[in-house]
């Protein structure tokens, strides 16, 4: 769990810094929200990267986190601005498991 929190913090910070300094930003709050979605994706993917959790449960938990992201984003912003957060989340989540699939252990934890 501690490493998952580290993944969250580092993913959030790196995403925010890249978006803030290299890309144009509409607002700081929106960039922070997208960075949190990016960091959450890395943390959730790392946390679920264990053979003890079945694939349907991994998918279900990731969909729950995406629903929470959309709900929070809709409360703070409009739905149109909240949708890109789940796109970022799902791309990072899939990328994590694609990278892990190239390893013999099929995990990035080991």
N, C-alpha and C. Protein backbone atom coordinates (compact mmCIF):
# COMPACT_ATOMS: atom_id res chain seq x y z
N UNK A 1 0.83 -1.20 0.00
CA UNK A 1 0.00 0.00 0.00
C UNK A 1 0.87 1.26 0.00
N UNK A 2 2.00 1.20 0.71
CA UNK A 2 2.87 2.36 0.78
C UNK A 2 3.45 2.70 -0.59
N UNK A 3 3.83 1.67 -1.35
CA UNK A 3 4.37 1.91 -2.69
C UNK A 3 3.28 2.44 -3.61
N UNK A 4 2.05 2.01 -3.43
CA UNK A 4 0.95 2.53 -4.24
C UNK A 4 0.76 4.03 -3.98
N UNK A 5 0.92 4.45 -2.75
CA UNK A 5 0.83 5.88 -2.43
C UNK A 5 1.99 6.65 -3.06
N UNK A 6 3.16 6.03 -3.09
CA UNK A 6 4.30 6.67 -3.75
C UNK A 6 4.03 6.81 -5.25
N UNK A 7 3.48 5.77 -5.86
CA UNK A 7 3.11 5.83 -7.27
C UNK A 7 2.10 6.95 -7.50
N UNK A 8 1.14 7.09 -6.60
CA UNK A 8 0.13 8.14 -6.74
C UNK A 8 0.76 9.53 -6.69
N UNK A 9 1.61 9.75 -5.70
CA UNK A 9 2.23 11.06 -5.53
C UNK A 9 3.15 11.38 -6.71
N UNK A 10 3.99 10.44 -7.08
CA UNK A 10 4.92 10.68 -8.19
C UNK A 10 4.17 10.84 -9.52
N UNK A 11 3.18 10.00 -9.76
CA UNK A 11 2.40 10.11 -11.00
C UNK A 11 1.67 11.43 -11.09
N UNK A 12 1.11 11.86 -9.98
CA UNK A 12 0.41 13.14 -9.95
C UNK A 12 1.37 14.29 -10.19
N UNK A 13 2.49 14.27 -9.51
CA UNK A 13 3.45 15.37 -9.64
C UNK A 13 4.04 15.45 -11.05
N UNK A 14 4.44 14.32 -11.59
CA UNK A 14 5.04 14.32 -12.94
C UNK A 14 4.01 14.77 -13.97
N UNK A 15 2.81 14.25 -13.88
CA UNK A 15 1.76 14.63 -14.84
C UNK A 15 1.46 16.12 -14.75
N UNK A 16 1.34 16.65 -13.54
CA UNK A 16 1.04 18.06 -13.39
C UNK A 16 2.16 18.92 -13.96
N UNK A 17 3.40 18.58 -13.63
CA UNK A 17 4.52 19.38 -14.11
C UNK A 17 4.63 19.36 -15.63
N UNK A 18 4.43 18.20 -16.23
CA UNK A 18 4.48 18.12 -17.70
C UNK A 18 3.36 18.94 -18.32
N UNK A 19 2.15 18.77 -17.82
CA UNK A 19 1.02 19.51 -18.39
C UNK A 19 1.14 21.01 -18.15
N UNK A 20 1.62 21.39 -16.99
CA UNK A 20 1.68 22.81 -16.64
C UNK A 20 2.77 23.54 -17.44
N UNK A 21 3.94 22.92 -17.55
CA UNK A 21 5.06 23.61 -18.18
C UNK A 21 5.16 23.37 -19.69
N UNK A 22 4.67 22.26 -20.19
CA UNK A 22 4.85 21.96 -21.61
C UNK A 22 3.58 22.13 -22.45
N UNK A 23 2.43 22.02 -21.84
CA UNK A 23 1.18 22.13 -22.58
C UNK A 23 0.41 23.35 -22.09
N UNK A 24 -0.48 23.84 -22.93
CA UNK A 24 -1.29 24.97 -22.49
C UNK A 24 -2.36 24.47 -21.52
N UNK A 25 -2.63 25.26 -20.52
CA UNK A 25 -3.60 24.86 -19.52
C UNK A 25 -4.74 25.86 -19.46
N UNK A 26 -5.95 25.32 -19.33
CA UNK A 26 -7.13 26.18 -19.17
C UNK A 26 -7.15 26.77 -17.76
N UNK A 27 -6.97 25.91 -16.79
CA UNK A 27 -6.96 26.37 -15.40
C UNK A 27 -6.10 25.42 -14.58
N UNK A 28 -5.59 25.94 -13.51
CA UNK A 28 -4.75 25.15 -12.62
C UNK A 28 -5.56 24.03 -11.98
N UNK A 29 -6.78 24.32 -11.59
CA UNK A 29 -7.62 23.31 -10.94
C UNK A 29 -7.87 22.13 -11.86
N UNK A 30 -8.11 22.41 -13.13
CA UNK A 30 -8.34 21.34 -14.09
C UNK A 30 -7.08 20.51 -14.30
N UNK A 31 -5.93 21.16 -14.36
CA UNK A 31 -4.67 20.43 -14.51
C UNK A 31 -4.39 19.56 -13.29
N UNK A 32 -4.70 20.05 -12.10
CA UNK A 32 -4.52 19.25 -10.89
C UNK A 32 -5.45 18.05 -10.92
N UNK A 33 -6.69 18.25 -11.34
CA UNK A 33 -7.66 17.16 -11.43
C UNK A 33 -7.18 16.08 -12.39
N UNK A 34 -6.70 16.47 -13.57
CA UNK A 34 -6.19 15.49 -14.53
C UNK A 34 -4.94 14.80 -14.00
N UNK A 35 -4.10 15.53 -13.30
CA UNK A 35 -2.89 14.93 -12.72
C UNK A 35 -3.25 13.91 -11.64
N UNK A 36 -4.27 14.21 -10.86
CA UNK A 36 -4.72 13.26 -9.83
C UNK A 36 -5.27 12.00 -10.49
N UNK A 37 -5.99 12.15 -11.60
CA UNK A 37 -6.48 10.97 -12.32
C UNK A 37 -5.33 10.13 -12.84
N UNK A 38 -4.29 10.77 -13.34
CA UNK A 38 -3.11 10.07 -13.83
C UNK A 38 -2.41 9.34 -12.69
N UNK A 39 -2.20 10.03 -11.59
CA UNK A 39 -1.55 9.40 -10.44
C UNK A 39 -2.39 8.28 -9.85
N UNK A 40 -3.70 8.46 -9.81
CA UNK A 40 -4.58 7.42 -9.30
C UNK A 40 -4.51 6.17 -10.16
N UNK A 41 -4.39 6.36 -11.46
CA UNK A 41 -4.29 5.21 -12.36
C UNK A 41 -3.05 4.39 -12.07
N UNK A 42 -1.91 5.06 -11.90
CA UNK A 42 -0.68 4.33 -11.58
C UNK A 42 -0.80 3.63 -10.24
N UNK A 43 -1.36 4.30 -9.25
CA UNK A 43 -1.48 3.71 -7.92
C UNK A 43 -2.42 2.51 -7.92
N UNK A 44 -3.56 2.64 -8.57
CA UNK A 44 -4.53 1.55 -8.60
C UNK A 44 -3.96 0.37 -9.39
N UNK A 45 -3.32 0.64 -10.51
CA UNK A 45 -2.73 -0.44 -11.30
C UNK A 45 -1.66 -1.17 -10.50
N UNK A 46 -0.82 -0.43 -9.80
CA UNK A 46 0.21 -1.06 -8.99
C UNK A 46 -0.41 -1.86 -7.84
N UNK A 47 -1.39 -1.28 -7.19
CA UNK A 47 -2.04 -1.95 -6.06
C UNK A 47 -2.72 -3.25 -6.49
N UNK A 48 -3.33 -3.25 -7.67
CA UNK A 48 -4.03 -4.44 -8.15
C UNK A 48 -3.12 -5.43 -8.86
N UNK A 49 -1.85 -5.10 -9.00
CA UNK A 49 -0.90 -5.95 -9.69
C UNK A 49 -0.43 -7.09 -8.78
N UNK A 50 -1.32 -8.01 -8.54
CA UNK A 50 -1.03 -9.17 -7.72
C UNK A 50 -1.86 -10.35 -8.24
N UNK A 51 -1.29 -11.54 -8.24
CA UNK A 51 -2.07 -12.69 -8.73
C UNK A 51 -3.18 -13.10 -7.78
N UNK A 52 -3.21 -12.55 -6.58
CA UNK A 52 -4.26 -12.89 -5.61
C UNK A 52 -5.62 -12.31 -5.98
N UNK A 53 -5.61 -11.30 -6.82
CA UNK A 53 -6.86 -10.64 -7.21
C UNK A 53 -7.22 -11.11 -8.62
N UNK A 54 -8.42 -11.60 -8.79
CA UNK A 54 -8.89 -12.09 -10.09
C UNK A 54 -9.11 -10.94 -11.06
N UNK A 55 -9.00 -11.22 -12.34
CA UNK A 55 -9.16 -10.19 -13.37
C UNK A 55 -10.51 -9.47 -13.30
N UNK A 56 -11.63 -10.18 -13.14
CA UNK A 56 -12.90 -9.45 -13.04
C UNK A 56 -12.94 -8.47 -11.87
N UNK A 57 -12.31 -8.83 -10.76
CA UNK A 57 -12.28 -7.92 -9.61
C UNK A 57 -11.39 -6.72 -9.91
N UNK A 58 -10.27 -6.94 -10.61
CA UNK A 58 -9.40 -5.83 -10.99
C UNK A 58 -10.14 -4.85 -11.89
N UNK A 59 -10.86 -5.39 -12.86
CA UNK A 59 -11.62 -4.53 -13.77
C UNK A 59 -12.73 -3.79 -13.03
N UNK A 60 -13.42 -4.50 -12.15
CA UNK A 60 -14.49 -3.87 -11.37
C UNK A 60 -13.99 -2.73 -10.50
N UNK A 61 -12.88 -2.96 -9.82
CA UNK A 61 -12.32 -1.91 -8.97
C UNK A 61 -11.84 -0.72 -9.80
N UNK A 62 -11.27 -0.99 -10.97
CA UNK A 62 -10.83 0.13 -11.81
C UNK A 62 -12.04 0.93 -12.32
N UNK A 63 -13.14 0.26 -12.64
CA UNK A 63 -14.33 0.98 -13.07
C UNK A 63 -14.93 1.80 -11.93
N UNK A 64 -14.84 1.29 -10.71
CA UNK A 64 -15.33 2.05 -9.56
C UNK A 64 -14.52 3.32 -9.38
N UNK A 65 -13.19 3.21 -9.51
CA UNK A 65 -12.34 4.39 -9.38
C UNK A 65 -12.65 5.39 -10.50
N UNK A 66 -12.87 4.90 -11.71
CA UNK A 66 -13.23 5.80 -12.82
C UNK A 66 -14.55 6.50 -12.55
N UNK A 67 -15.52 5.78 -12.01
CA UNK A 67 -16.81 6.39 -11.69
C UNK A 67 -16.66 7.47 -10.63
N UNK A 68 -15.81 7.22 -9.65
CA UNK A 68 -15.55 8.22 -8.61
C UNK A 68 -14.90 9.45 -9.22
N UNK A 69 -13.94 9.24 -10.13
CA UNK A 69 -13.29 10.37 -10.80
C UNK A 69 -14.30 11.21 -11.58
N UNK A 70 -15.19 10.56 -12.30
CA UNK A 70 -16.19 11.29 -13.08
C UNK A 70 -17.15 12.02 -12.15
N UNK A 71 -17.55 11.37 -11.07
CA UNK A 71 -18.47 12.01 -10.13
C UNK A 71 -17.85 13.26 -9.52
N UNK A 72 -16.61 13.14 -9.05
CA UNK A 72 -15.93 14.31 -8.46
C UNK A 72 -15.71 15.38 -9.52
N UNK A 73 -15.30 14.97 -10.72
CA UNK A 73 -15.08 15.94 -11.79
C UNK A 73 -16.35 16.66 -12.19
N UNK A 74 -17.47 15.95 -12.16
CA UNK A 74 -18.76 16.57 -12.50
C UNK A 74 -19.19 17.56 -11.43
N UNK A 75 -18.87 17.25 -10.17
CA UNK A 75 -19.21 18.19 -9.10
C UNK A 75 -18.39 19.47 -9.20
N UNK A 76 -17.11 19.33 -9.54
CA UNK A 76 -16.22 20.49 -9.57
C UNK A 76 -16.31 21.23 -10.91
N UNK A 77 -16.32 20.46 -12.00
CA UNK A 77 -16.35 21.03 -13.35
C UNK A 77 -17.62 20.57 -14.05
N UNK A 78 -17.62 20.64 -15.36
CA UNK A 78 -18.73 20.11 -16.14
C UNK A 78 -18.40 18.67 -16.53
N UNK A 79 -19.41 17.93 -16.95
CA UNK A 79 -19.21 16.54 -17.37
C UNK A 79 -18.24 16.45 -18.54
N UNK A 80 -18.30 17.43 -19.44
CA UNK A 80 -17.40 17.43 -20.60
C UNK A 80 -15.94 17.54 -20.19
N UNK A 81 -15.67 18.18 -19.08
CA UNK A 81 -14.30 18.30 -18.59
C UNK A 81 -13.90 17.12 -17.72
N UNK A 82 -14.87 16.39 -17.19
CA UNK A 82 -14.57 15.24 -16.35
C UNK A 82 -14.26 13.99 -17.17
N UNK A 83 -14.81 13.88 -18.36
CA UNK A 83 -14.61 12.69 -19.19
C UNK A 83 -13.14 12.44 -19.54
N UNK A 84 -12.34 13.45 -19.89
CA UNK A 84 -10.93 13.17 -20.20
C UNK A 84 -10.16 12.53 -19.05
N UNK A 85 -10.62 12.71 -17.83
CA UNK A 85 -9.91 12.08 -16.70
C UNK A 85 -10.01 10.56 -16.78
N UNK A 86 -11.16 10.03 -17.20
CA UNK A 86 -11.25 8.58 -17.30
C UNK A 86 -10.50 8.07 -18.52
N UNK A 87 -10.37 8.89 -19.54
CA UNK A 87 -9.54 8.49 -20.67
C UNK A 87 -8.08 8.40 -20.26
N UNK A 88 -7.60 9.36 -19.50
CA UNK A 88 -6.23 9.31 -18.98
C UNK A 88 -6.06 8.11 -18.06
N UNK A 89 -7.03 7.90 -17.18
CA UNK A 89 -6.96 6.79 -16.25
C UNK A 89 -6.88 5.46 -17.00
N UNK A 90 -7.77 5.26 -17.94
CA UNK A 90 -7.80 3.97 -18.63
C UNK A 90 -6.56 3.75 -19.49
N UNK A 91 -6.03 4.81 -20.12
CA UNK A 91 -4.80 4.65 -20.91
C UNK A 91 -3.63 4.25 -20.02
N UNK A 92 -3.49 4.88 -18.88
CA UNK A 92 -2.39 4.54 -17.98
C UNK A 92 -2.58 3.14 -17.41
N UNK A 93 -3.80 2.81 -17.05
CA UNK A 93 -4.09 1.49 -16.49
C UNK A 93 -3.74 0.39 -17.49
N UNK A 94 -4.15 0.57 -18.73
CA UNK A 94 -3.83 -0.42 -19.78
C UNK A 94 -2.34 -0.43 -20.06
N UNK A 95 -1.71 0.72 -20.11
CA UNK A 95 -0.27 0.78 -20.37
C UNK A 95 0.50 0.04 -19.29
N UNK A 96 0.09 0.17 -18.05
CA UNK A 96 0.76 -0.52 -16.96
C UNK A 96 0.75 -2.03 -17.21
N UNK A 97 -0.40 -2.56 -17.56
CA UNK A 97 -0.51 -4.01 -17.76
C UNK A 97 0.13 -4.47 -19.07
N UNK A 98 0.20 -3.61 -20.06
CA UNK A 98 0.92 -3.96 -21.28
C UNK A 98 2.41 -4.05 -20.98
N UNK A 99 2.93 -3.09 -20.26
CA UNK A 99 4.35 -3.14 -19.86
C UNK A 99 4.62 -4.38 -19.01
N UNK A 100 3.73 -4.68 -18.09
CA UNK A 100 3.90 -5.86 -17.23
C UNK A 100 3.84 -7.15 -18.03
N UNK A 101 3.08 -7.17 -19.11
CA UNK A 101 2.94 -8.40 -19.88
C UNK A 101 4.23 -8.81 -20.58
N UNK A 102 5.16 -7.89 -20.76
CA UNK A 102 6.43 -8.22 -21.39
C UNK A 102 7.39 -8.90 -20.41
N UNK A 103 7.11 -8.83 -19.14
CA UNK A 103 7.97 -9.47 -18.15
C UNK A 103 7.58 -10.93 -17.97
N UNK A 104 8.54 -11.72 -17.59
CA UNK A 104 8.27 -13.16 -17.41
C UNK A 104 7.28 -13.41 -16.28
N UNK A 105 7.30 -12.58 -15.26
CA UNK A 105 6.39 -12.75 -14.11
C UNK A 105 5.02 -12.15 -14.37
N UNK A 106 4.87 -11.40 -15.47
CA UNK A 106 3.63 -10.72 -15.82
C UNK A 106 3.21 -9.70 -14.75
N UNK A 107 4.18 -9.17 -14.04
CA UNK A 107 3.93 -8.22 -12.97
C UNK A 107 5.09 -7.24 -12.91
N UNK A 108 4.81 -6.01 -12.55
CA UNK A 108 5.87 -5.03 -12.34
C UNK A 108 6.29 -4.97 -10.87
N UNK A 109 5.60 -5.69 -10.03
CA UNK A 109 5.95 -5.69 -8.62
C UNK A 109 7.19 -6.51 -8.32
N UNK A 110 7.42 -7.53 -9.10
CA UNK A 110 8.55 -8.44 -8.80
C UNK A 110 9.77 -8.07 -9.60
